[in-house]
N, C-alpha and C. Protein backbone atom coordinates (compact mmCIF):
# COMPACT_ATOMS: atom_id res chain seq x y z
N UNK A 1 125.54 101.21 83.47
CA UNK A 1 124.39 101.33 82.60
C UNK A 1 123.12 101.17 83.45
N UNK A 2 122.11 101.92 83.11
CA UNK A 2 120.87 101.95 83.87
C UNK A 2 120.23 100.57 83.95
N UNK A 3 120.20 99.85 82.86
CA UNK A 3 119.56 98.53 82.85
C UNK A 3 120.23 97.59 83.84
N UNK A 4 121.54 97.66 83.93
CA UNK A 4 122.27 96.80 84.87
C UNK A 4 121.95 97.18 86.31
N UNK A 5 121.87 98.47 86.59
CA UNK A 5 121.58 98.91 87.96
C UNK A 5 120.18 98.52 88.40
N UNK A 6 119.21 98.62 87.48
CA UNK A 6 117.84 98.26 87.82
C UNK A 6 117.67 96.74 87.79
N UNK A 7 118.45 96.06 86.94
CA UNK A 7 118.38 94.61 86.85
C UNK A 7 117.28 94.13 85.92
N UNK A 8 117.09 94.85 84.80
CA UNK A 8 116.05 94.48 83.84
C UNK A 8 116.67 94.32 82.45
N UNK A 9 115.92 93.70 81.55
CA UNK A 9 116.37 93.54 80.17
C UNK A 9 116.00 94.77 79.35
N UNK A 10 116.57 94.87 78.19
CA UNK A 10 116.26 95.98 77.28
C UNK A 10 114.78 95.95 76.88
N UNK A 11 114.24 94.76 76.67
CA UNK A 11 112.82 94.64 76.30
C UNK A 11 111.93 95.18 77.42
N UNK A 12 112.27 94.86 78.67
CA UNK A 12 111.51 95.37 79.81
C UNK A 12 111.61 96.88 79.88
N UNK A 13 112.81 97.40 79.64
CA UNK A 13 113.02 98.85 79.64
C UNK A 13 112.08 99.53 78.65
N UNK A 14 112.01 99.06 77.43
CA UNK A 14 111.14 99.69 76.42
C UNK A 14 109.66 99.50 76.77
N UNK A 15 109.30 98.38 77.33
CA UNK A 15 107.91 98.16 77.75
C UNK A 15 107.54 99.15 78.85
N UNK A 16 108.44 99.33 79.83
CA UNK A 16 108.21 100.30 80.91
C UNK A 16 108.07 101.71 80.35
N UNK A 17 108.95 102.07 79.43
CA UNK A 17 108.90 103.43 78.85
C UNK A 17 107.60 103.66 78.12
N UNK A 18 107.11 102.66 77.39
CA UNK A 18 105.84 102.79 76.68
C UNK A 18 104.68 102.97 77.64
N UNK A 19 104.78 102.43 78.83
CA UNK A 19 103.72 102.53 79.85
C UNK A 19 103.91 103.71 80.78
N UNK A 20 104.99 104.48 80.58
CA UNK A 20 105.23 105.65 81.41
C UNK A 20 105.82 105.32 82.77
N UNK A 21 106.43 104.15 82.89
CA UNK A 21 107.02 103.72 84.16
C UNK A 21 108.53 103.83 84.04
N UNK A 22 109.19 104.06 85.15
CA UNK A 22 110.64 104.12 85.16
C UNK A 22 111.14 105.52 85.41
N UNK A 23 112.46 105.68 85.46
CA UNK A 23 113.03 107.00 85.72
C UNK A 23 112.83 107.94 84.53
N UNK A 24 112.88 109.23 84.81
CA UNK A 24 112.73 110.23 83.75
C UNK A 24 113.89 110.13 82.76
N UNK A 25 113.57 110.15 81.49
CA UNK A 25 114.56 110.00 80.43
C UNK A 25 114.63 111.29 79.62
N UNK A 26 115.84 111.69 79.27
CA UNK A 26 116.06 112.85 78.41
C UNK A 26 116.62 112.36 77.07
N UNK A 27 116.09 112.90 75.99
CA UNK A 27 116.60 112.55 74.66
C UNK A 27 117.55 113.66 74.22
N UNK A 28 118.76 113.30 73.87
CA UNK A 28 119.76 114.25 73.39
C UNK A 28 119.49 114.59 71.93
N UNK A 29 120.05 115.69 71.43
CA UNK A 29 119.85 116.05 70.02
C UNK A 29 120.28 114.96 69.03
N UNK A 30 121.23 114.11 69.44
CA UNK A 30 121.67 113.04 68.54
C UNK A 30 120.79 111.80 68.63
N UNK A 31 119.73 111.86 69.47
CA UNK A 31 118.80 110.75 69.58
C UNK A 31 119.07 109.79 70.72
N UNK A 32 120.23 109.92 71.36
CA UNK A 32 120.55 109.05 72.48
C UNK A 32 119.70 109.41 73.70
N UNK A 33 119.47 108.41 74.54
CA UNK A 33 118.68 108.62 75.76
C UNK A 33 119.62 108.71 76.95
N UNK A 34 119.29 109.59 77.88
CA UNK A 34 120.08 109.73 79.09
C UNK A 34 119.16 109.80 80.30
N UNK A 35 119.62 109.21 81.40
CA UNK A 35 118.90 109.26 82.67
C UNK A 35 119.84 109.95 83.66
N UNK A 36 119.36 111.00 84.28
CA UNK A 36 120.17 111.67 85.31
C UNK A 36 120.31 110.77 86.52
N UNK A 37 121.46 110.84 87.16
CA UNK A 37 121.72 110.04 88.35
C UNK A 37 120.66 110.32 89.41
N UNK A 38 120.28 111.58 89.59
CA UNK A 38 119.29 111.93 90.61
C UNK A 38 117.93 111.29 90.29
N UNK A 39 117.56 111.24 89.01
CA UNK A 39 116.29 110.62 88.62
C UNK A 39 116.33 109.11 88.85
N UNK A 40 117.45 108.50 88.54
CA UNK A 40 117.60 107.06 88.75
C UNK A 40 117.56 106.73 90.24
N UNK A 41 118.28 107.51 91.05
CA UNK A 41 118.28 107.26 92.50
C UNK A 41 116.88 107.42 93.08
N UNK A 42 116.15 108.44 92.64
CA UNK A 42 114.79 108.66 93.13
C UNK A 42 113.89 107.48 92.74
N UNK A 43 114.02 106.99 91.51
CA UNK A 43 113.23 105.85 91.06
C UNK A 43 113.55 104.61 91.88
N UNK A 44 114.84 104.35 92.11
CA UNK A 44 115.24 103.18 92.89
C UNK A 44 114.73 103.28 94.33
N UNK A 45 114.73 104.48 94.88
CA UNK A 45 114.20 104.67 96.24
C UNK A 45 112.70 104.37 96.28
N UNK A 46 111.98 104.74 95.24
CA UNK A 46 110.54 104.44 95.16
C UNK A 46 110.33 102.92 95.12
N UNK A 47 111.17 102.20 94.41
CA UNK A 47 111.04 100.75 94.32
C UNK A 47 111.20 100.08 95.68
N UNK A 48 112.05 100.64 96.53
CA UNK A 48 112.29 100.05 97.84
C UNK A 48 111.04 100.08 98.71
N UNK A 49 110.15 101.05 98.47
CA UNK A 49 108.98 101.19 99.30
C UNK A 49 107.75 100.48 98.74
N UNK A 50 107.88 99.88 97.57
CA UNK A 50 106.75 99.20 96.95
C UNK A 50 106.67 97.78 97.43
């Protein structure tokens, strides 16, 4: 799960999304959210340089 890999809580995840921070998220037709592995890896690589 993305939250486990990043090491954040669900509340932090939603706060980040509201502020436009974090990996790119896709909403499926059923309403579920998905993060592509490539987007997550790119985001994590950016964190390493901050």
